[in-house]
All heavy atoms as atom14 arrays in JSON, in Angstrom:
{
  "sequence": "GRERLRARPVRTLLLGGAIGVPLLAGGFALTK",
  "atom14_mask": [
    [1, 1, 1, 1, 0, 0, 0, 0, 0, 0, 0, 0, 0, 0],
    [1, 1, 1, 1, 1, 1, 1, 1, 1, 1, 1, 0, 0, 0],
    [1, 1, 1, 1, 1, 1, 1, 1, 1, 0, 0, 0, 0, 0],
    [1, 1, 1, 1, 1, 1, 1, 1, 1, 1, 1, 0, 0, 0],
    [1, 1, 1, 1, 1, 1, 1, 1, 0, 0, 0, 0, 0, 0],
    [1, 1, 1, 1, 1, 1, 1, 1, 1, 1, 1, 0, 0, 0],
    [1, 1, 1, 1, 1, 0, 0, 0, 0, 0, 0, 0, 0, 0],
    [1, 1, 1, 1, 1, 1, 1, 1, 1, 1, 1, 0, 0, 0],
    [1, 1, 1, 1, 1, 1, 1, 0, 0, 0, 0, 0, 0, 0],
    [1, 1, 1, 1, 1, 1, 1, 0, 0, 0, 0, 0, 0, 0],
    [1, 1, 1, 1, 1, 1, 1, 1, 1, 1, 1, 0, 0, 0],
    [1, 1, 1, 1, 1, 1, 1, 0, 0, 0, 0, 0, 0, 0],
    [1, 1, 1, 1, 1, 1, 1, 1, 0, 0, 0, 0, 0, 0],
    [1, 1, 1, 1, 1, 1, 1, 1, 0, 0, 0, 0, 0, 0],
    [1, 1, 1, 1, 1, 1, 1, 1, 0, 0, 0, 0, 0, 0],
    [1, 1, 1, 1, 0, 0, 0, 0, 0, 0, 0, 0, 0, 0],
    [1, 1, 1, 1, 0, 0, 0, 0, 0, 0, 0, 0, 0, 0],
    [1, 1, 1, 1, 1, 0, 0, 0, 0, 0, 0, 0, 0, 0],
    [1, 1, 1, 1, 1, 1, 1, 1, 0, 0, 0, 0, 0, 0],
    [1, 1, 1, 1, 0, 0, 0, 0, 0, 0, 0, 0, 0, 0],
    [1, 1, 1, 1, 1, 1, 1, 0, 0, 0, 0, 0, 0, 0],
    [1, 1, 1, 1, 1, 1, 1, 0, 0, 0, 0, 0, 0, 0],
    [1, 1, 1, 1, 1, 1, 1, 1, 0, 0, 0, 0, 0, 0],
    [1, 1, 1, 1, 1, 1, 1, 1, 0, 0, 0, 0, 0, 0],
    [1, 1, 1, 1, 1, 0, 0, 0, 0, 0, 0, 0, 0, 0],
    [1, 1, 1, 1, 0, 0, 0, 0, 0, 0, 0, 0, 0, 0],
    [1, 1, 1, 1, 0, 0, 0, 0, 0, 0, 0, 0, 0, 0],
    [1, 1, 1, 1, 1, 1, 1, 1, 1, 1, 1, 0, 0, 0],
    [1, 1, 1, 1, 1, 0, 0, 0, 0, 0, 0, 0, 0, 0],
    [1, 1, 1, 1, 1, 1, 1, 1, 0, 0, 0, 0, 0, 0],
    [1, 1, 1, 1, 1, 1, 1, 0, 0, 0, 0, 0, 0, 0],
    [1, 1, 1, 1, 1, 1, 1, 1, 1, 0, 0, 0, 0, 0]
  ],
  "atom14_positions": [
    [[-133.99, 21.49, 103.82], [-134.08, 20.04, 103.97], [-134.46, 19.64, 105.38], [-135.26, 18.72, 105.59], [0.0, 0.0, 0.0], [0.0, 0.0, 0.0], [0.0, 0.0, 0.0], [0.0, 0.0, 0.0], [0.0, 0.0, 0.0], [0.0, 0.0, 0.0], [0.0, 0.0, 0.0], [0.0, 0.0, 0.0], [0.0, 0.0, 0.0], [0.0, 0.0, 0.0]],
    [[-133.92, 20.35, 106.36], [-134.27, 20.08, 107.76], [-135.75, 20.33, 107.99], [-136.45, 19.5, 108.58], [-133.44, 20.95, 108.68], [-133.78, 20.76, 110.15], [-133.29, 21.9, 111.01], [-134.06, 23.09, 110.7], [-133.55, 24.31, 110.57], [-132.27, 24.51, 110.72], [-134.3, 25.33, 110.28], [0.0, 0.0, 0.0], [0.0, 0.0, 0.0], [0.0, 0.0, 0.0]],
    [[-136.25, 21.46, 107.52], [-137.67, 21.77, 107.72], [-138.56, 20.82, 106.94], [-139.62, 20.42, 107.42], [-137.95, 23.22, 107.29], [-137.37, 24.23, 108.23], [-137.84, 24.03, 109.67], [-139.05, 23.77, 109.89], [-137.01, 24.13, 110.58], [0.0, 0.0, 0.0], [0.0, 0.0, 0.0], [0.0, 0.0, 0.0], [0.0, 0.0, 0.0], [0.0, 0.0, 0.0]],
    [[-138.15, 20.45, 105.75], [-138.92, 19.51, 104.94], [-138.99, 18.15, 105.63], [-140.05, 17.52, 105.66], [-138.28, 19.41, 103.56], [-138.86, 18.39, 102.64], [-140.12, 18.86, 102.0], [-140.65, 17.78, 101.18], [-141.57, 17.94, 100.27], [-142.07, 19.12, 100.06], [-142.0, 16.91, 99.58], [0.0, 0.0, 0.0], [0.0, 0.0, 0.0], [0.0, 0.0, 0.0]],
    [[-137.87, 17.68, 106.15], [-137.86, 16.38, 106.84], [-138.61, 16.44, 108.17], [-139.16, 15.43, 108.61], [-136.43, 15.92, 107.07], [-135.72, 15.41, 105.8], [-134.25, 15.28, 106.04], [-136.32, 14.11, 105.35], [0.0, 0.0, 0.0], [0.0, 0.0, 0.0], [0.0, 0.0, 0.0], [0.0, 0.0, 0.0], [0.0, 0.0, 0.0], [0.0, 0.0, 0.0]],
    [[-138.65, 17.58, 108.79], [-139.41, 17.73, 110.03], [-140.92, 17.73, 109.74], [-141.68, 17.1, 110.43], [-139.03, 19.02, 110.74], [-139.8, 19.23, 112.04], [-139.38, 20.5, 112.71], [-137.95, 20.43, 112.97], [-137.26, 21.4, 113.53], [-137.83, 22.5, 113.91], [-135.97, 21.27, 113.73], [0.0, 0.0, 0.0], [0.0, 0.0, 0.0], [0.0, 0.0, 0.0]],
    [[-141.31, 18.44, 108.7], [-142.73, 18.6, 108.41], [-143.32, 17.4, 107.66], [-144.44, 16.98, 107.96], [-142.95, 19.87, 107.59], [0.0, 0.0, 0.0], [0.0, 0.0, 0.0], [0.0, 0.0, 0.0], [0.0, 0.0, 0.0], [0.0, 0.0, 0.0], [0.0, 0.0, 0.0], [0.0, 0.0, 0.0], [0.0, 0.0, 0.0], [0.0, 0.0, 0.0]],
    [[-142.59, 16.88, 106.68], [-143.11, 15.8, 105.81], [-142.05, 14.72, 105.57], [-141.56, 14.57, 104.45], [-143.52, 16.39, 104.46], [-144.6, 17.42, 104.56], [-144.96, 17.89, 103.18], [-145.91, 18.96, 103.29], [-145.84, 20.09, 102.62], [-144.86, 20.27, 101.76], [-146.75, 21.02, 102.76], [0.0, 0.0, 0.0], [0.0, 0.0, 0.0], [0.0, 0.0, 0.0]],
    [[-141.7, 13.95, 106.57], [-140.63, 12.97, 106.39], [-140.99, 11.85, 105.41], [-140.16, 11.46, 104.58], [-140.37, 12.44, 107.79], [-141.59, 12.73, 108.56], [-142.19, 13.95, 107.95], [0.0, 0.0, 0.0], [0.0, 0.0, 0.0], [0.0, 0.0, 0.0], [0.0, 0.0, 0.0], [0.0, 0.0, 0.0], [0.0, 0.0, 0.0], [0.0, 0.0, 0.0]],
    [[-142.19, 11.32, 105.5], [-142.57, 10.2, 104.62], [-142.7, 10.67, 103.2], [-142.24, 10.0, 102.27], [-143.88, 9.54, 105.14], [-144.35, 8.46, 104.18], [-143.67, 8.97, 106.53], [0.0, 0.0, 0.0], [0.0, 0.0, 0.0], [0.0, 0.0, 0.0], [0.0, 0.0, 0.0], [0.0, 0.0, 0.0], [0.0, 0.0, 0.0], [0.0, 0.0, 0.0]],
    [[-143.3, 11.81, 103.01], [-143.46, 12.36, 101.65], [-142.1, 12.64, 101.0], [-141.89, 12.39, 99.82], [-144.29, 13.63, 101.73], [-144.93, 14.03, 100.48], [-145.89, 15.14, 100.78], [-146.64, 15.49, 99.59], [-147.45, 16.49, 99.53], [-147.67, 17.25, 100.59], [-148.08, 16.76, 98.42], [0.0, 0.0, 0.0], [0.0, 0.0, 0.0], [0.0, 0.0, 0.0]],
    [[-141.18, 13.17, 101.79], [-139.83, 13.45, 101.29], [-139.12, 12.15, 100.94], [-138.45, 12.07, 99.9], [-139.04, 14.23, 102.35], [-139.77, 15.41, 102.7], [-137.67, 14.62, 101.84], [0.0, 0.0, 0.0], [0.0, 0.0, 0.0], [0.0, 0.0, 0.0], [0.0, 0.0, 0.0], [0.0, 0.0, 0.0], [0.0, 0.0, 0.0], [0.0, 0.0, 0.0]],
    [[-139.26, 11.14, 101.76], [-138.67, 9.84, 101.49], [-139.24, 9.22, 100.22], [-138.5, 8.71, 99.38], [-138.88, 8.91, 102.68], [-138.39, 7.47, 102.51], [-136.89, 7.44, 102.36], [-138.84, 6.64, 103.67], [0.0, 0.0, 0.0], [0.0, 0.0, 0.0], [0.0, 0.0, 0.0], [0.0, 0.0, 0.0], [0.0, 0.0, 0.0], [0.0, 0.0, 0.0]],
    [[-140.56, 9.29, 100.06], [-141.18, 8.73, 98.86], [-140.77, 9.49, 97.6], [-140.56, 8.89, 96.55], [-142.71, 8.72, 99.01], [-143.25, 7.75, 100.07], [-144.76, 7.91, 100.23], [-142.87, 6.33, 99.75], [0.0, 0.0, 0.0], [0.0, 0.0, 0.0], [0.0, 0.0, 0.0], [0.0, 0.0, 0.0], [0.0, 0.0, 0.0], [0.0, 0.0, 0.0]],
    [[-140.66, 10.82, 97.7], [-140.19, 11.61, 96.56], [-138.77, 11.22, 96.18], [-138.45, 11.03, 95.01], [-140.26, 13.11, 96.88], [-139.7, 14.06, 95.84], [-140.49, 13.97, 94.55], [-139.7, 15.48, 96.38], [0.0, 0.0, 0.0], [0.0, 0.0, 0.0], [0.0, 0.0, 0.0], [0.0, 0.0, 0.0], [0.0, 0.0, 0.0], [0.0, 0.0, 0.0]],
    [[-137.92, 11.06, 97.19], [-136.54, 10.65, 96.94], [-136.46, 9.26, 96.33], [-135.65, 9.01, 95.43], [0.0, 0.0, 0.0], [0.0, 0.0, 0.0], [0.0, 0.0, 0.0], [0.0, 0.0, 0.0], [0.0, 0.0, 0.0], [0.0, 0.0, 0.0], [0.0, 0.0, 0.0], [0.0, 0.0, 0.0], [0.0, 0.0, 0.0], [0.0, 0.0, 0.0]],
    [[-137.3, 8.35, 96.78], [-137.34, 7.02, 96.2], [-137.83, 7.03, 94.77], [-137.3, 6.32, 93.9], [0.0, 0.0, 0.0], [0.0, 0.0, 0.0], [0.0, 0.0, 0.0], [0.0, 0.0, 0.0], [0.0, 0.0, 0.0], [0.0, 0.0, 0.0], [0.0, 0.0, 0.0], [0.0, 0.0, 0.0], [0.0, 0.0, 0.0], [0.0, 0.0, 0.0]],
    [[-138.85, 7.85, 94.51], [-139.4, 7.94, 93.16], [-138.38, 8.52, 92.17], [-138.38, 8.16, 91.0], [-140.67, 8.78, 93.16], [0.0, 0.0, 0.0], [0.0, 0.0, 0.0], [0.0, 0.0, 0.0], [0.0, 0.0, 0.0], [0.0, 0.0, 0.0], [0.0, 0.0, 0.0], [0.0, 0.0, 0.0], [0.0, 0.0, 0.0], [0.0, 0.0, 0.0]],
    [[-137.52, 9.38, 92.65], [-136.5, 9.97, 91.78], [-135.24, 9.1, 91.76], [-134.65, 8.86, 90.71], [-136.15, 11.4, 92.25], [-137.35, 12.31, 92.04], [-134.93, 11.93, 91.52], [-137.2, 13.67, 92.68], [0.0, 0.0, 0.0], [0.0, 0.0, 0.0], [0.0, 0.0, 0.0], [0.0, 0.0, 0.0], [0.0, 0.0, 0.0], [0.0, 0.0, 0.0]],
    [[-134.85, 8.63, 92.94], [-133.58, 7.92, 93.08], [-133.54, 6.52, 92.49], [-132.55, 6.14, 91.88], [0.0, 0.0, 0.0], [0.0, 0.0, 0.0], [0.0, 0.0, 0.0], [0.0, 0.0, 0.0], [0.0, 0.0, 0.0], [0.0, 0.0, 0.0], [0.0, 0.0, 0.0], [0.0, 0.0, 0.0], [0.0, 0.0, 0.0], [0.0, 0.0, 0.0]],
    [[-134.62, 5.76, 92.66], [-134.61, 4.37, 92.18], [-134.45, 4.29, 90.66], [-133.61, 3.53, 90.17], [-135.83, 3.6, 92.7], [-135.98, 2.26, 92.02], [-135.75, 3.43, 94.21], [0.0, 0.0, 0.0], [0.0, 0.0, 0.0], [0.0, 0.0, 0.0], [0.0, 0.0, 0.0], [0.0, 0.0, 0.0], [0.0, 0.0, 0.0], [0.0, 0.0, 0.0]],
    [[-135.22, 5.06, 89.87], [-135.01, 5.0, 88.41], [-133.62, 5.5, 88.0], [-133.01, 4.92, 87.08], [-136.1, 5.89, 87.84], [-137.12, 6.0, 88.9], [-136.41, 5.86, 90.2], [0.0, 0.0, 0.0], [0.0, 0.0, 0.0], [0.0, 0.0, 0.0], [0.0, 0.0, 0.0], [0.0, 0.0, 0.0], [0.0, 0.0, 0.0], [0.0, 0.0, 0.0]],
    [[-133.13, 6.54, 88.66], [-131.79, 7.02, 88.32], [-130.72, 5.99, 88.68], [-129.75, 5.81, 87.95], [-131.51, 8.35, 89.01], [-132.18, 9.58, 88.41], [-131.92, 10.81, 89.28], [-131.68, 9.82, 87.0], [0.0, 0.0, 0.0], [0.0, 0.0, 0.0], [0.0, 0.0, 0.0], [0.0, 0.0, 0.0], [0.0, 0.0, 0.0], [0.0, 0.0, 0.0]],
    [[-130.91, 5.34, 89.81], [-129.98, 4.29, 90.22], [-129.99, 3.13, 89.24], [-128.93, 2.66, 88.81], [-130.36, 3.81, 91.62], [-129.38, 2.99, 92.42], [-128.12, 3.8, 92.7], [-130.01, 2.54, 93.71], [0.0, 0.0, 0.0], [0.0, 0.0, 0.0], [0.0, 0.0, 0.0], [0.0, 0.0, 0.0], [0.0, 0.0, 0.0], [0.0, 0.0, 0.0]],
    [[-131.18, 2.69, 88.85], [-131.29, 1.59, 87.89], [-130.72, 1.98, 86.53], [-130.0, 1.21, 85.9], [-132.74, 1.16, 87.75], [0.0, 0.0, 0.0], [0.0, 0.0, 0.0], [0.0, 0.0, 0.0], [0.0, 0.0, 0.0], [0.0, 0.0, 0.0], [0.0, 0.0, 0.0], [0.0, 0.0, 0.0], [0.0, 0.0, 0.0], [0.0, 0.0, 0.0]],
    [[-131.03, 3.19, 86.09], [-130.51, 3.67, 84.82], [-128.99, 3.82, 84.82], [-128.3, 3.48, 83.86], [0.0, 0.0, 0.0], [0.0, 0.0, 0.0], [0.0, 0.0, 0.0], [0.0, 0.0, 0.0], [0.0, 0.0, 0.0], [0.0, 0.0, 0.0], [0.0, 0.0, 0.0], [0.0, 0.0, 0.0], [0.0, 0.0, 0.0], [0.0, 0.0, 0.0]],
    [[-128.46, 4.32, 85.94], [-127.01, 4.47, 86.05], [-126.3, 3.13, 86.01], [-125.29, 2.97, 85.31], [0.0, 0.0, 0.0], [0.0, 0.0, 0.0], [0.0, 0.0, 0.0], [0.0, 0.0, 0.0], [0.0, 0.0, 0.0], [0.0, 0.0, 0.0], [0.0, 0.0, 0.0], [0.0, 0.0, 0.0], [0.0, 0.0, 0.0], [0.0, 0.0, 0.0]],
    [[-126.83, 2.15, 86.74], [-126.22, 0.81, 86.71], [-126.36, 0.16, 85.34], [-125.46, -0.54, 84.86], [-126.82, -0.1, 87.79], [-126.17, 0.1, 89.13], [-126.94, 0.49, 90.22], [-124.83, -0.1, 89.32], [-126.37, 0.67, 91.47], [-124.23, 0.07, 90.55], [-125.01, 0.47, 91.65], [0.0, 0.0, 0.0], [0.0, 0.0, 0.0], [0.0, 0.0, 0.0]],
    [[-127.51, 0.38, 84.68], [-127.71, -0.18, 83.34], [-126.72, 0.43, 82.36], [-126.17, -0.28, 81.49], [-129.13, 0.05, 82.88], [0.0, 0.0, 0.0], [0.0, 0.0, 0.0], [0.0, 0.0, 0.0], [0.0, 0.0, 0.0], [0.0, 0.0, 0.0], [0.0, 0.0, 0.0], [0.0, 0.0, 0.0], [0.0, 0.0, 0.0], [0.0, 0.0, 0.0]],
    [[-126.46, 1.72, 82.48], [-125.49, 2.37, 81.59], [-124.07, 1.86, 81.83], [-123.28, 1.79, 80.89], [-125.54, 3.88, 81.76], [-126.69, 4.6, 81.06], [-126.71, 6.07, 81.43], [-126.58, 4.44, 79.55], [0.0, 0.0, 0.0], [0.0, 0.0, 0.0], [0.0, 0.0, 0.0], [0.0, 0.0, 0.0], [0.0, 0.0, 0.0], [0.0, 0.0, 0.0]],
    [[-123.75, 1.57, 83.08], [-122.39, 1.07, 83.33], [-122.17, -0.31, 82.71], [-121.03, -0.69, 82.44], [-122.09, 0.98, 84.84], [-123.02, 0.1, 85.46], [-122.13, 2.34, 85.48], [0.0, 0.0, 0.0], [0.0, 0.0, 0.0], [0.0, 0.0, 0.0], [0.0, 0.0, 0.0], [0.0, 0.0, 0.0], [0.0, 0.0, 0.0], [0.0, 0.0, 0.0]],
    [[-123.23, -1.07, 82.48], [-123.14, -2.41, 81.89], [-123.38, -2.41, 80.37], [-123.24, -3.44, 79.74], [-124.14, -3.36, 82.54], [-123.95, -3.5, 84.03], [-122.61, -4.1, 84.38], [-122.46, -4.23, 85.87], [-121.14, -4.61, 86.27], [0.0, 0.0, 0.0], [0.0, 0.0, 0.0], [0.0, 0.0, 0.0], [0.0, 0.0, 0.0], [0.0, 0.0, 0.0]]
  ]
}
């Protein structure tokens, strides 16, 4: 993770957003 964030910080952030946002929305939708 350290090397990935050093080499490709923006790409890693975008990958995390692409995975995290739908899971976050789905998790909150399931709780309701």
